[in-house]
Amino acid sequence: MYGEDVELCSRVLEHGLTVAIVPAARVYHHEPPDAADSDALSFHKQKNLAALYLLHAPLRVLPEFFVRYAAIAGAKQLLTNRATVPSWLKAWSWVAMRSPKLLAERWRRAA
């Protein structure tokens, strides 16, 4: 949901280890019914997706990612669901403020 599984697998692979899929494994989550549409959940989903891309996506896909998820998704939210705009703005503000640190971590790990 927040990208932690992708982040973990990416870091495991960077260290030369392998990732295995276990089809029989099951995870059960218990969430209160009102948590599904919460502002906090929307905020974390958006900021973690952006952080994941900044840390691991090929550099050539970053411009398209930002156009799609920052510009186009933001415009759609303004037009269709204004209630989600504050959490969306908060998430992208978080990304903007932390982008230099995330990119520095990306380049440090690549070196």
PDB file of N, CA and C in Angstrom:
ATOM      1  N   MET A   1       0.816  -1.186   0.000  1.00  0.00           N
ATOM      2  CA  MET A   1       0.000   0.000   0.000  1.00  0.00           C
ATOM      3  C   MET A   1       0.864   1.255   0.000  1.00  0.00           C
ATOM      4  N   TYR A   2       1.895   1.264   0.802  1.00  0.00           N
ATOM      5  CA  TYR A   2       2.751   2.442   0.879  1.00  0.00           C
ATOM      6  C   TYR A   2       4.030   2.272   0.082  1.00  0.00           C
ATOM      7  N   GLY A   3       4.251   1.131  -0.515  1.00  0.00           N
ATOM      8  CA  GLY A   3       5.458   0.893  -1.291  1.00  0.00           C
ATOM      9  C   GLY A   3       6.597   0.279  -0.521  1.00  0.00           C
ATOM     10  N   GLU A   4       6.367  -0.058   0.754  1.00  0.00           N
ATOM     11  CA  GLU A   4       7.464  -0.621   1.550  1.00  0.00           C
ATOM     12  C   GLU A   4       7.957  -1.939   0.977  1.00  0.00           C
ATOM     13  N   ASP A   5       7.060  -2.760   0.449  1.00  0.00           N
ATOM     14  CA  ASP A   5       7.472  -4.047  -0.092  1.00  0.00           C
ATOM     15  C   ASP A   5       8.373  -3.866  -1.314  1.00  0.00           C
ATOM     16  N   VAL A   6       8.039  -2.920  -2.163  1.00  0.00           N
ATOM     17  CA  VAL A   6       8.857  -2.650  -3.342  1.00  0.00           C
ATOM     18  C   VAL A   6      10.202  -2.081  -2.922  1.00  0.00           C
ATOM     19  N   GLU A   7      10.178  -1.176  -1.964  1.00  0.00           N
ATOM     20  CA  GLU A   7      11.417  -0.574  -1.452  1.00  0.00           C
ATOM     21  C   GLU A   7      12.323  -1.653  -0.859  1.00  0.00           C
ATOM     22  N   LEU A   8      11.767  -2.528  -0.049  1.00  0.00           N
ATOM     23  CA  LEU A   8      12.549  -3.594   0.566  1.00  0.00           C
ATOM     24  C   LEU A   8      13.150  -4.510  -0.498  1.00  0.00           C
ATOM     25  N   CYS A   9      12.353  -4.933  -1.460  1.00  0.00           N
ATOM     26  CA  CYS A   9      12.864  -5.815  -2.511  1.00  0.00           C
ATOM     27  C   CYS A   9      13.956  -5.130  -3.321  1.00  0.00           C
ATOM     28  N   SER A  10      13.785  -3.866  -3.598  1.00  0.00           N
ATOM     29  CA  SER A  10      14.784  -3.119  -4.354  1.00  0.00           C
ATOM     30  C   SER A  10      16.113  -3.070  -3.607  1.00  0.00           C
ATOM     31  N   ARG A  11      16.042  -2.824  -2.312  1.00  0.00           N
ATOM     32  CA  ARG A  11      17.277  -2.771  -1.516  1.00  0.00           C
ATOM     33  C   ARG A  11      17.935  -4.145  -1.388  1.00  0.00           C
ATOM     34  N   VAL A  12      17.126  -5.192  -1.285  1.00  0.00           N
ATOM     35  CA  VAL A  12      17.666  -6.556  -1.215  1.00  0.00           C
ATOM     36  C   VAL A  12      18.429  -6.871  -2.503  1.00  0.00           C
ATOM     37  N   LEU A  13      17.816  -6.544  -3.639  1.00  0.00           N
ATOM     38  CA  LEU A  13      18.464  -6.808  -4.922  1.00  0.00           C
ATOM     39  C   LEU A  13      19.733  -5.984  -5.099  1.00  0.00           C
ATOM     40  N   GLU A  14      19.745  -4.750  -4.618  1.00  0.00           N
ATOM     41  CA  GLU A  14      20.937  -3.903  -4.710  1.00  0.00           C
ATOM     42  C   GLU A  14      22.112  -4.503  -3.954  1.00  0.00           C
ATOM     43  N   HIS A  15      21.834  -5.289  -2.932  1.00  0.00           N
ATOM     44  CA  HIS A  15      22.893  -5.915  -2.136  1.00  0.00           C
ATOM     45  C   HIS A  15      23.280  -7.300  -2.672  1.00  0.00           C
ATOM     46  N   GLY A  16      22.786  -7.634  -3.861  1.00  0.00           N
ATOM     47  CA  GLY A  16      23.169  -8.885  -4.489  1.00  0.00           C
ATOM     48  C   GLY A  16      22.434 -10.105  -3.965  1.00  0.00           C
ATOM     49  N   LEU A  17      21.403  -9.901  -3.183  1.00  0.00           N
ATOM     50  CA  LEU A  17      20.617 -11.015  -2.673  1.00  0.00           C
ATOM     51  C   LEU A  17      19.448 -11.269  -3.612  1.00  0.00           C
ATOM     52  N   THR A  18      18.688 -12.309  -3.345  1.00  0.00           N
ATOM     53  CA  THR A  18      17.553 -12.629  -4.213  1.00  0.00           C
ATOM     54  C   THR A  18      16.236 -12.447  -3.462  1.00  0.00           C
ATOM     55  N   VAL A  19      15.200 -12.271  -4.244  1.00  0.00           N
ATOM     56  CA  VAL A  19      13.853 -12.130  -3.717  1.00  0.00           C
ATOM     57  C   VAL A  19      13.053 -13.322  -4.211  1.00  0.00           C
ATOM     58  N   ALA A  20      12.336 -13.954  -3.320  1.00  0.00           N
ATOM     59  CA  ALA A  20      11.522 -15.112  -3.689  1.00  0.00           C
ATOM     60  C   ALA A  20      10.048 -14.804  -3.468  1.00  0.00           C
ATOM     61  N   ILE A  21       9.226 -15.325  -4.343  1.00  0.00           N
ATOM     62  CA  ILE A  21       7.775 -15.201  -4.202  1.00  0.00           C
ATOM     63  C   ILE A  21       7.263 -16.507  -3.627  1.00  0.00           C
ATOM     64  N   VAL A  22       6.491 -16.400  -2.566  1.00  0.00           N
ATOM     65  CA  VAL A  22       5.942 -17.581  -1.907  1.00  0.00           C
ATOM     66  C   VAL A  22       4.423 -17.512  -2.045  1.00  0.00           C
ATOM     67  N   PRO A  23       3.856 -18.194  -3.041  1.00  0.00           N
ATOM     68  CA  PRO A  23       2.419 -18.101  -3.295  1.00  0.00           C
ATOM     69  C   PRO A  23       1.543 -18.512  -2.109  1.00  0.00           C
ATOM     70  N   ALA A  24       2.029 -19.397  -1.265  1.00  0.00           N
ATOM     71  CA  ALA A  24       1.219 -19.860  -0.139  1.00  0.00           C
ATOM     72  C   ALA A  24       1.195 -18.878   1.034  1.00  0.00           C
ATOM     73  N   ALA A  25       2.083 -17.891   1.013  1.00  0.00           N
ATOM     74  CA  ALA A  25       2.135 -16.929   2.117  1.00  0.00           C
ATOM     75  C   ALA A  25       0.892 -16.044   2.100  1.00  0.00           C
ATOM     76  N   ARG A  26       0.388 -15.718   3.275  1.00  0.00           N
ATOM     77  CA  ARG A  26      -0.800 -14.876   3.404  1.00  0.00           C
ATOM     78  C   ARG A  26      -0.550 -13.797   4.448  1.00  0.00           C
ATOM     79  N   VAL A  27      -1.075 -12.610   4.176  1.00  0.00           N
ATOM     80  CA  VAL A  27      -0.996 -11.500   5.115  1.00  0.00           C
ATOM     81  C   VAL A  27      -2.418 -11.008   5.338  1.00  0.00           C
ATOM     82  N   TYR A  28      -2.753 -10.796   6.586  1.00  0.00           N
ATOM     83  CA  TYR A  28      -4.083 -10.298   6.921  1.00  0.00           C
ATOM     84  C   TYR A  28      -3.946  -8.936   7.573  1.00  0.00           C
ATOM     85  N   HIS A  29      -4.700  -7.985   7.059  1.00  0.00           N
ATOM     86  CA  HIS A  29      -4.686  -6.627   7.596  1.00  0.00           C
ATOM     87  C   HIS A  29      -6.046  -6.329   8.216  1.00  0.00           C
ATOM     88  N   HIS A  30      -5.995  -5.651   9.318  1.00  0.00           N
ATOM     89  CA  HIS A  30      -7.241  -5.174   9.923  1.00  0.00           C
ATOM     90  C   HIS A  30      -7.185  -3.663   9.928  1.00  0.00           C
ATOM     91  N   GLU A  31      -8.098  -3.064   9.189  1.00  0.00           N
ATOM     92  CA  GLU A  31      -8.181  -1.611   9.154  1.00  0.00           C
ATOM     93  C   GLU A  31      -9.592  -1.194   9.524  1.00  0.00           C
ATOM     94  N   PRO A  32      -9.719  -0.161  10.316  1.00  0.00           N
ATOM     95  CA  PRO A  32     -11.052   0.354  10.598  1.00  0.00           C
ATOM     96  C   PRO A  32     -11.719   0.800   9.296  1.00  0.00           C
ATOM     97  N   PRO A  33     -13.017   0.651   9.174  1.00  0.00           N
ATOM     98  CA  PRO A  33     -13.709   0.986   7.925  1.00  0.00           C
ATOM     99  C   PRO A  33     -13.476   2.422   7.446  1.00  0.00           C
ATOM    100  N   ASP A  34     -13.332   3.367   8.353  1.00  0.00           N
ATOM    101  CA  ASP A  34     -13.153   4.751   7.944  1.00  0.00           C
ATOM    102  C   ASP A  34     -11.730   5.069   7.508  1.00  0.00           C
ATOM    103  N   ALA A  35     -10.795   4.163   7.701  1.00  0.00           N
ATOM    104  CA  ALA A  35      -9.390   4.428   7.351  1.00  0.00           C
ATOM    105  C   ALA A  35      -9.157   4.388   5.841  1.00  0.00           C
ATOM    106  N   ALA A  36     -10.016   3.698   5.099  1.00  0.00           N
ATOM    107  CA  ALA A  36      -9.797   3.509   3.667  1.00  0.00           C
ATOM    108  C   ALA A  36      -9.764   4.822   2.900  1.00  0.00           C
ATOM    109  N   ASP A  37     -10.514   5.806   3.323  1.00  0.00           N
ATOM    110  CA  ASP A  37     -10.574   7.070   2.597  1.00  0.00           C
ATOM    111  C   ASP A  37      -9.970   8.226   3.382  1.00  0.00           C
ATOM    112  N   SER A  38      -9.150   7.922   4.350  1.00  0.00           N
ATOM    113  CA  SER A  38      -8.631   8.986   5.206  1.00  0.00           C
ATOM    114  C   SER A  38      -7.604   9.846   4.479  1.00  0.00           C
ATOM    115  N   ASP A  39      -7.497  11.092   4.900  1.00  0.00           N
ATOM    116  CA  ASP A  39      -6.505  12.002   4.347  1.00  0.00           C
ATOM    117  C   ASP A  39      -5.089  11.505   4.621  1.00  0.00           C
ATOM    118  N   ALA A  40      -4.884  10.950   5.806  1.00  0.00           N
ATOM    119  CA  ALA A  40      -3.550  10.450   6.162  1.00  0.00           C
ATOM    120  C   ALA A  40      -3.131   9.319   5.233  1.00  0.00           C
ATOM    121  N   LEU A  41      -4.055   8.420   4.927  1.00  0.00           N
ATOM    122  CA  LEU A  41      -3.750   7.306   4.036  1.00  0.00           C
ATOM    123  C   LEU A  41      -3.431   7.820   2.633  1.00  0.00           C
ATOM    124  N   SER A  42      -4.210   8.754   2.138  1.00  0.00           N
ATOM    125  CA  SER A  42      -3.961   9.330   0.814  1.00  0.00           C
ATOM    126  C   SER A  42      -2.604  10.020   0.773  1.00  0.00           C
ATOM    127  N   PHE A  43      -2.285  10.764   1.824  1.00  0.00           N
ATOM    128  CA  PHE A  43      -1.001  11.445   1.915  1.00  0.00           C
ATOM    129  C   PHE A  43       0.154  10.453   1.831  1.00  0.00           C
ATOM    130  N   HIS A  44       0.097   9.395   2.647  1.00  0.00           N
ATOM    131  CA  HIS A  44       1.203   8.434   2.685  1.00  0.00           C
ATOM    132  C   HIS A  44       1.332   7.663   1.379  1.00  0.00           C
ATOM    133  N   LYS A  45       0.230   7.302   0.763  1.00  0.00           N
ATOM    134  CA  LYS A  45       0.305   6.596  -0.517  1.00  0.00           C
ATOM    135  C   LYS A  45       1.013   7.452  -1.560  1.00  0.00           C
ATOM    136  N   GLN A  46       0.626   8.711  -1.662  1.00  0.00           N
ATOM    137  CA  GLN A  46       1.190   9.594  -2.686  1.00  0.00           C
ATOM    138  C   GLN A  46       2.657   9.914  -2.424  1.00  0.00           C
ATOM    139  N   LYS A  47       3.005  10.273  -1.205  1.00  0.00           N
ATOM    140  CA  LYS A  47       4.397  10.646  -0.923  1.00  0.00           C
ATOM    141  C   LYS A  47       5.324   9.447  -1.003  1.00  0.00           C
ATOM    142  N   ASN A  48       4.847   8.276  -0.606  1.00  0.00           N
ATOM    143  CA  ASN A  48       5.704   7.088  -0.687  1.00  0.00           C
ATOM    144  C   ASN A  48       5.901   6.623  -2.123  1.00  0.00           C
ATOM    145  N   LEU A  49       4.880   6.777  -2.957  1.00  0.00           N
ATOM    146  CA  LEU A  49       5.047   6.449  -4.371  1.00  0.00           C
ATOM    147  C   LEU A  49       6.101   7.354  -4.988  1.00  0.00           C
ATOM    148  N   ALA A  50       6.023   8.647  -4.706  1.00  0.00           N
ATOM    149  CA  ALA A  50       7.000   9.587  -5.253  1.00  0.00           C
ATOM    150  C   ALA A  50       8.405   9.301  -4.718  1.00  0.00           C
ATOM    151  N   ALA A  51       8.526   9.023  -3.438  1.00  0.00           N
ATOM    152  CA  ALA A  51       9.838   8.720  -2.858  1.00  0.00           C
ATOM    153  C   ALA A  51      10.424   7.456  -3.482  1.00  0.00           C
ATOM    154  N   LEU A  52       9.582   6.464  -3.707  1.00  0.00           N
ATOM    155  CA  LEU A  52      10.034   5.219  -4.329  1.00  0.00           C
ATOM    156  C   LEU A  52      10.591   5.488  -5.726  1.00  0.00           C
ATOM    157  N   TYR A  53       9.895   6.298  -6.499  1.00  0.00           N
ATOM    158  CA  TYR A  53      10.384   6.643  -7.835  1.00  0.00           C
ATOM    159  C   TYR A  53      11.694   7.419  -7.761  1.00  0.00           C
ATOM    160  N   LEU A  54      11.771   8.399  -6.877  1.00  0.00           N
ATOM    161  CA  LEU A  54      13.004   9.187  -6.772  1.00  0.00           C
ATOM    162  C   LEU A  54      14.197   8.335  -6.372  1.00  0.00           C
ATOM    163  N   LEU A  55      13.965   7.341  -5.542  1.00  0.00           N
ATOM    164  CA  LEU A  55      15.060   6.492  -5.074  1.00  0.00           C
ATOM    165  C   LEU A  55      15.463   5.406  -6.074  1.00  0.00           C
ATOM    166  N   HIS A  56      14.498   4.876  -6.848  1.00  0.00           N
ATOM    167  CA  HIS A  56      14.800   3.656  -7.598  1.00  0.00           C
ATOM    168  C   HIS A  56      14.467   3.659  -9.081  1.00  0.00           C
ATOM    169  N   ALA A  57      13.601   4.520  -9.556  1.00  0.00           N
ATOM    170  CA  ALA A  57      13.205   4.462 -10.968  1.00  0.00           C
ATOM    171  C   ALA A  57      14.342   4.924 -11.869  1.00  0.00           C
ATOM    172  N   PRO A  58      14.397   4.379 -13.078  1.00  0.00           N
ATOM    173  CA  PRO A  58      15.391   4.895 -14.025  1.00  0.00           C
ATOM    174  C   PRO A  58      15.160   6.393 -14.235  1.00  0.00           C
ATOM    175  N   LEU A  59      16.238   7.147 -14.328  1.00  0.00           N
ATOM    176  CA  LEU A  59      16.124   8.599 -14.454  1.00  0.00           C
ATOM    177  C   LEU A  59      15.281   9.018 -15.652  1.00  0.00           C
ATOM    178  N   ARG A  60      15.304   8.229 -16.722  1.00  0.00           N
ATOM    179  CA  ARG A  60      14.563   8.591 -17.922  1.00  0.00           C
ATOM    180  C   ARG A  60      13.047   8.585 -17.710  1.00  0.00           C
ATOM    181  N   VAL A  61      12.538   7.881 -16.687  1.00  0.00           N
ATOM    182  CA  VAL A  61      11.085   7.838 -16.468  1.00  0.00           C
ATOM    183  C   VAL A  61      10.606   8.913 -15.485  1.00  0.00           C
ATOM    184  N   LEU A  62      11.525   9.573 -14.809  1.00  0.00           N
ATOM    185  CA  LEU A  62      11.108  10.572 -13.814  1.00  0.00           C
ATOM    186  C   LEU A  62      10.305  11.736 -14.399  1.00  0.00           C
ATOM    187  N   PRO A  63      10.687  12.297 -15.546  1.00  0.00           N
ATOM    188  CA  PRO A  63       9.850  13.382 -16.081  1.00  0.00           C
ATOM    189  C   PRO A  63       8.407  12.946 -16.349  1.00  0.00           C
ATOM    190  N   GLU A  64       8.231  11.782 -16.954  1.00  0.00           N
ATOM    191  CA  GLU A  64       6.876  11.282 -17.216  1.00  0.00           C
ATOM    192  C   GLU A  64       6.134  11.016 -15.910  1.00  0.00           C
ATOM    193  N   PHE A  65       6.832  10.480 -14.922  1.00  0.00           N
ATOM    194  CA  PHE A  65       6.208  10.223 -13.626  1.00  0.00           C
ATOM    195  C   PHE A  65       5.653  11.518 -13.036  1.00  0.00           C
ATOM    196  N   PHE A  66       6.462  12.565 -13.028  1.00  0.00           N
ATOM    197  CA  PHE A  66       6.010  13.826 -12.436  1.00  0.00           C
ATOM    198  C   PHE A  66       4.880  14.463 -13.234  1.00  0.00           C
ATOM    199  N   VAL A  67       4.928  14.361 -14.557  1.00  0.00           N
ATOM    200  CA  VAL A  67       3.819  14.888 -15.356  1.00  0.00           C
ATOM    201  C   VAL A  67       2.540  14.118 -15.034  1.00  0.00           C
ATOM    202  N   ARG A  68       2.651  12.795 -15.002  1.00  0.00           N
ATOM    203  CA  ARG A  68       1.458  11.967 -14.782  1.00  0.00           C
ATOM    204  C   ARG A  68       0.898  12.116 -13.373  1.00  0.00           C
ATOM    205  N   TYR A  69       1.767  11.994 -12.361  1.00  0.00           N
ATOM    206  CA  TYR A  69       1.260  11.932 -10.986  1.00  0.00           C
ATOM    207  C   TYR A  69       1.198  13.280 -10.280  1.00  0.00           C
ATOM    208  N   ALA A  70       1.987  14.236 -10.699  1.00  0.00           N
ATOM    209  CA  ALA A  70       1.919  15.551 -10.058  1.00  0.00           C
ATOM    210  C   ALA A  70       0.993  16.475 -10.840  1.00  0.00           C
ATOM    211  N   ALA A  71       1.268  16.657 -12.117  1.00  0.00           N
ATOM    212  CA  ALA A  71       0.490  17.625 -12.896  1.00  0.00           C
ATOM    213  C   ALA A  71      -0.893  17.103 -13.282  1.00  0.00           C
ATOM    214  N   ILE A  72      -0.948  15.988 -13.981  1.00  0.00           N
ATOM    215  CA  ILE A  72      -2.236  15.491 -14.485  1.00  0.00           C
ATOM    216  C   ILE A  72      -3.132  15.025 -13.343  1.00  0.00           C
ATOM    217  N   ALA A  73      -2.593  14.235 -12.412  1.00  0.00           N
ATOM    218  CA  ALA A  73      -3.414  13.763 -11.283  1.00  0.00           C
ATOM    219  C   ALA A  73      -3.889  14.931 -10.430  1.00  0.00           C
ATOM    220  N   GLY A  74      -3.043  15.932 -10.256  1.00  0.00           N
ATOM    221  CA  GLY A  74      -3.445  17.111  -9.485  1.00  0.00           C
ATOM    222  C   GLY A  74      -4.587  17.860 -10.153  1.00  0.00           C
ATOM    223  N   ALA A  75      -4.490  18.024 -11.473  1.00  0.00           N
ATOM    224  CA  ALA A  75      -5.569  18.690 -12.210  1.00  0.00           C
ATOM    225  C   ALA A  75      -6.869  17.895 -12.123  1.00  0.00           C
ATOM    226  N   LYS A  76      -6.772  16.577 -12.243  1.00  0.00           N
ATOM    227  CA  LYS A  76      -7.974  15.736 -12.138  1.00  0.00           C
ATOM    228  C   LYS A  76      -8.614  15.872 -10.764  1.00  0.00           C
ATOM    229  N   GLN A  77      -7.796  15.916  -9.732  1.00  0.00           N
ATOM    230  CA  GLN A  77      -8.350  16.045  -8.386  1.00  0.00           C
ATOM    231  C   GLN A  77      -9.034  17.386  -8.194  1.00  0.00           C
ATOM    232  N   LEU A  78      -8.450  18.426  -8.754  1.00  0.00           N
ATOM    233  CA  LEU A  78      -9.086  19.745  -8.662  1.00  0.00           C
ATOM    234  C   LEU A  78     -10.455  19.747  -9.342  1.00  0.00           C
ATOM    235  N   LEU A  79     -10.559  19.008 -10.441  1.00  0.00           N
ATOM    236  CA  LEU A  79     -11.805  18.996 -11.198  1.00  0.00           C
ATOM    237  C   LEU A  79     -12.839  18.010 -10.667  1.00  0.00           C
ATOM    238  N   THR A  80     -12.393  16.913 -10.073  1.00  0.00           N
ATOM    239  CA  THR A  80     -13.342  15.855  -9.708  1.00  0.00           C
ATOM    240  C   THR A  80     -13.563  15.657  -8.213  1.00  0.00           C
ATOM    241  N   ASN A  81     -12.524  15.857  -7.403  1.00  0.00           N
ATOM    242  CA  ASN A  81     -12.669  15.549  -5.988  1.00  0.00           C
ATOM    243  C   ASN A  81     -11.840  16.527  -5.157  1.00  0.00           C
ATOM    244  N   ARG A  82     -12.351  17.694  -4.975  1.00  0.00           N
ATOM    245  CA  ARG A  82     -11.602  18.743  -4.277  1.00  0.00           C
ATOM    246  C   ARG A  82     -11.295  18.400  -2.821  1.00  0.00           C
ATOM    247  N   ALA A  83     -12.028  17.477  -2.252  1.00  0.00           N
ATOM    248  CA  ALA A  83     -11.779  17.102  -0.853  1.00  0.00           C
ATOM    249  C   ALA A  83     -10.411  16.446  -0.683  1.00  0.00           C
ATOM    250  N   THR A  84      -9.888  15.838  -1.739  1.00  0.00           N
ATOM    251  CA  THR A  84      -8.592  15.156  -1.648  1.00  0.00           C
ATOM    252  C   THR A  84      -7.421  16.081  -1.945  1.00  0.00           C
ATOM    253  N   VAL A  85      -7.693  17.286  -2.411  1.00  0.00           N
ATOM    254  CA  VAL A  85      -6.624  18.206  -2.796  1.00  0.00           C
ATOM    255  C   VAL A  85      -5.681  18.546  -1.631  1.00  0.00           C
ATOM    256  N   PRO A  86      -6.181  18.819  -0.414  1.00  0.00           N
ATOM    257  CA  PRO A  86      -5.239  19.140   0.672  1.00  0.00           C
ATOM    258  C   PRO A  86      -4.221  18.031   0.951  1.00  0.00           C
ATOM    259  N   SER A  87      -4.655  16.764   0.986  1.00  0.00           N
ATOM    260  CA  SER A  87      -3.688  15.691   1.250  1.00  0.00           C
ATOM    261  C   SER A  87      -2.741  15.522   0.071  1.00  0.00           C
ATOM    262  N   TRP A  88      -3.232  15.742  -1.152  1.00  0.00           N
ATOM    263  CA  TRP A  88      -2.391  15.668  -2.337  1.00  0.00           C
ATOM    264  C   TRP A  88      -1.327  16.773  -2.295  1.00  0.00           C
ATOM    265  N   LEU A  89      -1.739  18.001  -1.972  1.00  0.00           N
ATOM    266  CA  LEU A  89      -0.791  19.110  -1.864  1.00  0.00           C
ATOM    267  C   LEU A  89       0.232  18.877  -0.758  1.00  0.00           C
ATOM    268  N   LYS A  90      -0.217  18.347   0.354  1.00  0.00           N
ATOM    269  CA  LYS A  90       0.688  18.044   1.463  1.00  0.00           C
ATOM    270  C   LYS A  90       1.733  17.009   1.038  1.00  0.00           C
ATOM    271  N   ALA A  91       1.284  15.978   0.310  1.00  0.00           N
ATOM    272  CA  ALA A  91       2.204  14.930  -0.140  1.00  0.00           C
ATOM    273  C   ALA A  91       3.246  15.486  -1.103  1.00  0.00           C
ATOM    274  N   TRP A  92       2.807  16.283  -2.068  1.00  0.00           N
ATOM    275  CA  TRP A  92       3.754  16.815  -3.049  1.00  0.00           C
ATOM    276  C   TRP A  92       4.648  17.889  -2.452  1.00  0.00           C
ATOM    277  N   SER A  93       4.181  18.567  -1.426  1.00  0.00           N
ATOM    278  CA  SER A  93       5.053  19.502  -0.703  1.00  0.00           C
ATOM    279  C   SER A  93       6.149  18.731   0.013  1.00  0.00           C
ATOM    280  N   TRP A  94       5.763  17.620   0.619  1.00  0.00           N
ATOM    281  CA  TRP A  94       6.733  16.741   1.290  1.00  0.00           C
ATOM    282  C   TRP A  94       7.788  16.290   0.276  1.00  0.00           C
ATOM    283  N   VAL A  95       7.330  15.859  -0.901  1.00  0.00           N
ATOM    284  CA  VAL A  95       8.248  15.391  -1.947  1.00  0.00           C
ATOM    285  C   VAL A  95       9.187  16.509  -2.383  1.00  0.00           C
ATOM    286  N   ALA A  96       8.641  17.694  -2.611  1.00  0.00           N
ATOM    287  CA  ALA A  96       9.465  18.821  -3.064  1.00  0.00           C
ATOM    288  C   ALA A  96      10.535  19.172  -2.040  1.00  0.00           C
ATOM    289  N   MET A  97      10.165  19.170  -0.777  1.00  0.00           N
ATOM    290  CA  MET A  97      11.129  19.532   0.269  1.00  0.00           C
ATOM    291  C   MET A  97      12.196  18.464   0.460  1.00  0.00           C
ATOM    292  N   ARG A  98      11.867  17.223   0.231  1.00  0.00           N
ATOM    293  CA  ARG A  98      12.817  16.134   0.493  1.00  0.00           C
ATOM    294  C   ARG A  98      13.477  15.562  -0.754  1.00  0.00           C
ATOM    295  N   SER A  99      13.127  16.058  -1.917  1.00  0.00           N
ATOM    296  CA  SER A  99      13.726  15.545  -3.160  1.00  0.00           C
ATOM    297  C   SER A  99      15.247  15.614  -3.160  1.00  0.00           C
ATOM    298  N   PRO A 100      15.853  16.729  -2.753  1.00  0.00           N
ATOM    299  CA  PRO A 100      17.325  16.746  -2.750  1.00  0.00           C
ATOM    300  C   PRO A 100      17.929  15.634  -1.880  1.00  0.00           C
ATOM    301  N   LYS A 101      17.361  15.402  -0.719  1.00  0.00           N
ATOM    302  CA  LYS A 101      17.873  14.357   0.178  1.00  0.00           C
ATOM    303  C   LYS A 101      17.665  12.966  -0.436  1.00  0.00           C
ATOM    304  N   LEU A 102      16.492  12.733  -1.027  1.00  0.00           N
ATOM    305  CA  LEU A 102      16.215  11.428  -1.641  1.00  0.00           C
ATOM    306  C   LEU A 102      17.138  11.178  -2.830  1.00  0.00           C
ATOM    307  N   LEU A 103      17.338  12.194  -3.649  1.00  0.00           N
ATOM    308  CA  LEU A 103      18.232  12.030  -4.801  1.00  0.00           C
ATOM    309  C   LEU A 103      19.684  11.844  -4.361  1.00  0.00           C
ATOM    310  N   ALA A 104      20.090  12.538  -3.302  1.00  0.00           N
ATOM    311  CA  ALA A 104      21.447  12.341  -2.775  1.00  0.00           C
ATOM    312  C   ALA A 104      21.623  10.907  -2.277  1.00  0.00           C
ATOM    313  N   GLU A 105      20.604  10.374  -1.629  1.00  0.00           N
ATOM    314  CA  GLU A 105      20.678   8.974  -1.174  1.00  0.00           C
ATOM    315  C   GLU A 105      20.768   8.038  -2.367  1.00  0.00           C
ATOM    316  N   ARG A 106      20.001   8.326  -3.403  1.00  0.00           N
ATOM    317  CA  ARG A 106      20.025   7.500  -4.614  1.00  0.00           C
ATOM    318  C   ARG A 106      21.433   7.466  -5.205  1.00  0.00           C
ATOM    319  N   TRP A 107      22.063   8.638  -5.372  1.00  0.00           N
ATOM    320  CA  TRP A 107      23.391   8.707  -5.971  1.00  0.00           C
ATOM    321  C   TRP A 107      24.461   8.128  -5.051  1.00  0.00           C
ATOM    322  N   ARG A 108      24.287   8.276  -3.752  1.00  0.00           N
ATOM    323  CA  ARG A 108      25.251   7.714  -2.797  1.00  0.00           C
ATOM    324  C   ARG A 108      25.235   6.185  -2.899  1.00  0.00           C
ATOM    325  N   ARG A 109      24.052   5.603  -2.987  1.00  0.00           N
ATOM    326  CA  ARG A 109      23.955   4.141  -3.077  1.00  0.00           C
ATOM    327  C   ARG A 109      24.422   3.621  -4.436  1.00  0.00           C
ATOM    328  N   ALA A 110      24.290   4.446  -5.463  1.00  0.00           N
ATOM    329  CA  ALA A 110      24.718   4.016  -6.811  1.00  0.00           C
ATOM    330  C   ALA A 110      26.244   4.053  -6.959  1.00  0.00           C
ATOM    331  N   ALA A 111      26.893   4.851  -6.126  1.00  0.00           N
ATOM    332  CA  ALA A 111      28.357   5.002  -6.261  1.00  0.00           C
ATOM    333  C   ALA A 111      29.112   3.850  -5.687  1.00  0.00           C
TER     334      ALA A 111
END
